[in-house]
Amino acid sequence: MKTSEIRHILIVEDQEIIRKGLRALLAATKNFEVVGEAANGYEAISASKELKPDVILMGLSMPKMNGIESTRQIKRINDDAKILMLTSHCTEECVRDSLKAGAA
């Protein structure tokens, strides 16, 4: 992708206020377009299949399916997607597991 191309972003986070805040921040940037939101890992997988985002902002701790397992499954479907993990707390093990799952 050229730097002037628009990146399509999927926001995956169980806390709605964080999703809305990220959407508002990204709306102020001309090269990003938020194409969807998901509140858990299952929704993330479904949205990824349907929307085919370039970038996924993935919450780590979510109900039903966490961000690491969601990342593993999404990378099997869309290996080109860049997945960035979002968390306010994480251990070295969590970072290692995220990278092994395919997070960037």
C-alpha atoms as a PDB file:
ATOM      1  CA  MET A   1       0.000   0.000   0.000  1.00  0.00           C
ATOM      2  CA  LYS A   2       1.094   3.509  -0.715  1.00  0.00           C
ATOM      3  CA  THR A   3       1.225   5.883   2.231  1.00  0.00           C
ATOM      4  CA  SER A   4      -1.550   8.005   0.710  1.00  0.00           C
ATOM      5  CA  GLU A   5      -3.989   5.072   0.587  1.00  0.00           C
ATOM      6  CA  ILE A   6      -6.746   4.821   3.157  1.00  0.00           C
ATOM      7  CA  ARG A   7      -6.350   2.069   5.764  1.00  0.00           C
ATOM      8  CA  HIS A   8      -9.578   0.300   6.674  1.00  0.00           C
ATOM      9  CA  ILE A   9      -9.729  -0.329  10.405  1.00  0.00           C
ATOM     10  CA  LEU A  10     -11.762  -2.683  12.575  1.00  0.00           C
ATOM     11  CA  ILE A  11     -11.934  -1.773  16.269  1.00  0.00           C
ATOM     12  CA  VAL A  12     -12.357  -4.746  18.619  1.00  0.00           C
ATOM     13  CA  GLU A  13     -12.879  -3.848  22.278  1.00  0.00           C
ATOM     14  CA  ASP A  14     -15.495  -4.927  24.807  1.00  0.00           C
ATOM     15  CA  GLN A  15     -15.766  -1.473  26.381  1.00  0.00           C
ATOM     16  CA  GLU A  16     -17.996   0.676  24.198  1.00  0.00           C
ATOM     17  CA  ILE A  17     -16.584   3.975  25.461  1.00  0.00           C
ATOM     18  CA  ILE A  18     -13.090   2.933  24.347  1.00  0.00           C
ATOM     19  CA  ARG A  19     -14.381   1.864  20.910  1.00  0.00           C
ATOM     20  CA  LYS A  20     -16.163   5.190  20.491  1.00  0.00           C
ATOM     21  CA  GLY A  21     -13.082   7.134  21.642  1.00  0.00           C
ATOM     22  CA  LEU A  22     -10.815   5.309  19.206  1.00  0.00           C
ATOM     23  CA  ARG A  23     -13.330   5.866  16.410  1.00  0.00           C
ATOM     24  CA  ALA A  24     -13.399   9.605  17.171  1.00  0.00           C
ATOM     25  CA  LEU A  25      -9.589   9.841  17.225  1.00  0.00           C
ATOM     26  CA  LEU A  26      -9.254   7.969  13.940  1.00  0.00           C
ATOM     27  CA  ALA A  27     -11.986  10.033  12.282  1.00  0.00           C
ATOM     28  CA  ALA A  28      -9.690  13.054  12.630  1.00  0.00           C
ATOM     29  CA  THR A  29      -7.035  11.325  10.501  1.00  0.00           C
ATOM     30  CA  LYS A  30      -7.506  11.400   6.750  1.00  0.00           C
ATOM     31  CA  ASN A  31      -5.739   8.103   5.970  1.00  0.00           C
ATOM     32  CA  PHE A  32      -7.862   5.961   8.303  1.00  0.00           C
ATOM     33  CA  GLU A  33     -11.446   4.800   7.885  1.00  0.00           C
ATOM     34  CA  VAL A  34     -13.108   2.796  10.629  1.00  0.00           C
ATOM     35  CA  VAL A  35     -15.139   0.176   8.774  1.00  0.00           C
ATOM     36  CA  GLY A  36     -16.538  -1.584  11.816  1.00  0.00           C
ATOM     37  CA  GLU A  37     -16.538  -2.376  15.499  1.00  0.00           C
ATOM     38  CA  ALA A  38     -16.782  -5.593  17.495  1.00  0.00           C
ATOM     39  CA  ALA A  39     -17.270  -6.187  21.216  1.00  0.00           C
ATOM     40  CA  ASN A  40     -15.757  -9.683  21.523  1.00  0.00           C
ATOM     41  CA  GLY A  41     -13.599 -12.200  19.703  1.00  0.00           C
ATOM     42  CA  TYR A  42     -16.450 -13.977  17.927  1.00  0.00           C
ATOM     43  CA  GLU A  43     -17.752 -10.682  16.555  1.00  0.00           C
ATOM     44  CA  ALA A  44     -14.185  -9.800  15.526  1.00  0.00           C
ATOM     45  CA  ILE A  45     -13.813 -12.969  13.461  1.00  0.00           C
ATOM     46  CA  SER A  46     -17.158 -12.440  11.760  1.00  0.00           C
ATOM     47  CA  ALA A  47     -16.456  -8.744  11.059  1.00  0.00           C
ATOM     48  CA  SER A  48     -12.989  -9.564   9.747  1.00  0.00           C
ATOM     49  CA  LYS A  49     -14.443 -12.063   7.255  1.00  0.00           C
ATOM     50  CA  GLU A  50     -17.095  -9.601   6.097  1.00  0.00           C
ATOM     51  CA  LEU A  51     -15.174  -6.303   6.120  1.00  0.00           C
ATOM     52  CA  LYS A  52     -11.614  -7.473   5.287  1.00  0.00           C
ATOM     53  CA  PRO A  53      -9.894  -4.642   7.210  1.00  0.00           C
ATOM     54  CA  ASP A  54      -6.260  -3.712   6.657  1.00  0.00           C
ATOM     55  CA  VAL A  55      -5.737  -3.029  10.374  1.00  0.00           C
ATOM     56  CA  ILE A  56      -7.441  -4.448  13.443  1.00  0.00           C
ATOM     57  CA  LEU A  57      -7.134  -2.742  16.820  1.00  0.00           C
ATOM     58  CA  MET A  58      -7.722  -5.747  19.097  1.00  0.00           C
ATOM     59  CA  GLY A  59      -8.566  -5.606  22.769  1.00  0.00           C
ATOM     60  CA  LEU A  60      -6.712  -8.235  24.750  1.00  0.00           C
ATOM     61  CA  SER A  61      -9.147  -9.038  27.561  1.00  0.00           C
ATOM     62  CA  MET A  62     -12.660  -9.585  26.268  1.00  0.00           C
ATOM     63  CA  PRO A  63     -15.574 -11.829  27.178  1.00  0.00           C
ATOM     64  CA  LYS A  64     -16.417 -14.957  25.157  1.00  0.00           C
ATOM     65  CA  MET A  65     -13.050 -15.062  23.325  1.00  0.00           C
ATOM     66  CA  ASN A  66      -9.928 -13.085  24.176  1.00  0.00           C
ATOM     67  CA  GLY A  67      -7.823 -11.079  21.745  1.00  0.00           C
ATOM     68  CA  ILE A  68      -5.048 -13.669  21.450  1.00  0.00           C
ATOM     69  CA  GLU A  69      -7.348 -16.479  20.312  1.00  0.00           C
ATOM     70  CA  SER A  70      -9.253 -14.077  18.035  1.00  0.00           C
ATOM     71  CA  THR A  71      -5.967 -13.000  16.471  1.00  0.00           C
ATOM     72  CA  ARG A  72      -4.981 -16.630  15.806  1.00  0.00           C
ATOM     73  CA  GLN A  73      -8.249 -17.315  14.030  1.00  0.00           C
ATOM     74  CA  ILE A  74      -8.321 -14.056  12.071  1.00  0.00           C
ATOM     75  CA  LYS A  75      -4.761 -14.545  10.804  1.00  0.00           C
ATOM     76  CA  ARG A  76      -5.847 -17.931   9.368  1.00  0.00           C
ATOM     77  CA  ILE A  77      -8.568 -16.124   7.417  1.00  0.00           C
ATOM     78  CA  ASN A  78      -6.766 -12.885   6.523  1.00  0.00           C
ATOM     79  CA  ASP A  79      -3.014 -13.144   6.964  1.00  0.00           C
ATOM     80  CA  ASP A  80      -2.537  -9.691   5.409  1.00  0.00           C
ATOM     81  CA  ALA A  81      -4.396  -7.897   8.216  1.00  0.00           C
ATOM     82  CA  LYS A  82      -2.149  -6.094  10.680  1.00  0.00           C
ATOM     83  CA  ILE A  83      -3.424  -6.711  14.198  1.00  0.00           C
ATOM     84  CA  LEU A  84      -2.397  -4.368  16.996  1.00  0.00           C
ATOM     85  CA  MET A  85      -3.194  -5.430  20.550  1.00  0.00           C
ATOM     86  CA  LEU A  86      -4.811  -2.971  22.964  1.00  0.00           C
ATOM     87  CA  THR A  87      -4.394  -3.414  26.696  1.00  0.00           C
ATOM     88  CA  SER A  88      -3.776  -1.386  29.810  1.00  0.00           C
ATOM     89  CA  HIS A  89      -1.937  -4.250  31.487  1.00  0.00           C
ATOM     90  CA  CYS A  90       0.067  -7.128  30.109  1.00  0.00           C
ATOM     91  CA  THR A  91       2.785  -9.521  31.149  1.00  0.00           C
ATOM     92  CA  GLU A  92       5.790 -10.610  29.110  1.00  0.00           C
ATOM     93  CA  GLU A  93       3.959 -13.885  28.492  1.00  0.00           C
ATOM     94  CA  CYS A  94       0.952 -12.022  27.131  1.00  0.00           C
ATOM     95  CA  VAL A  95       3.170 -10.078  24.718  1.00  0.00           C
ATOM     96  CA  ARG A  96       4.887 -13.276  23.586  1.00  0.00           C
ATOM     97  CA  ASP A  97       1.545 -15.079  23.096  1.00  0.00           C
ATOM     98  CA  SER A  98       0.152 -12.115  21.138  1.00  0.00           C
ATOM     99  CA  LEU A  99       3.127 -12.111  18.786  1.00  0.00           C
ATOM    100  CA  LYS A 100       2.957 -15.896  18.328  1.00  0.00           C
ATOM    101  CA  ALA A 101      -0.737 -15.543  17.449  1.00  0.00           C
ATOM    102  CA  GLY A 102       0.164 -13.070  14.694  1.00  0.00           C
ATOM    103  CA  ALA A 103      -0.164  -9.620  16.226  1.00  0.00           C
ATOM    104  CA  ALA A 104       2.122  -6.965  14.801  1.00  0.00           C
END
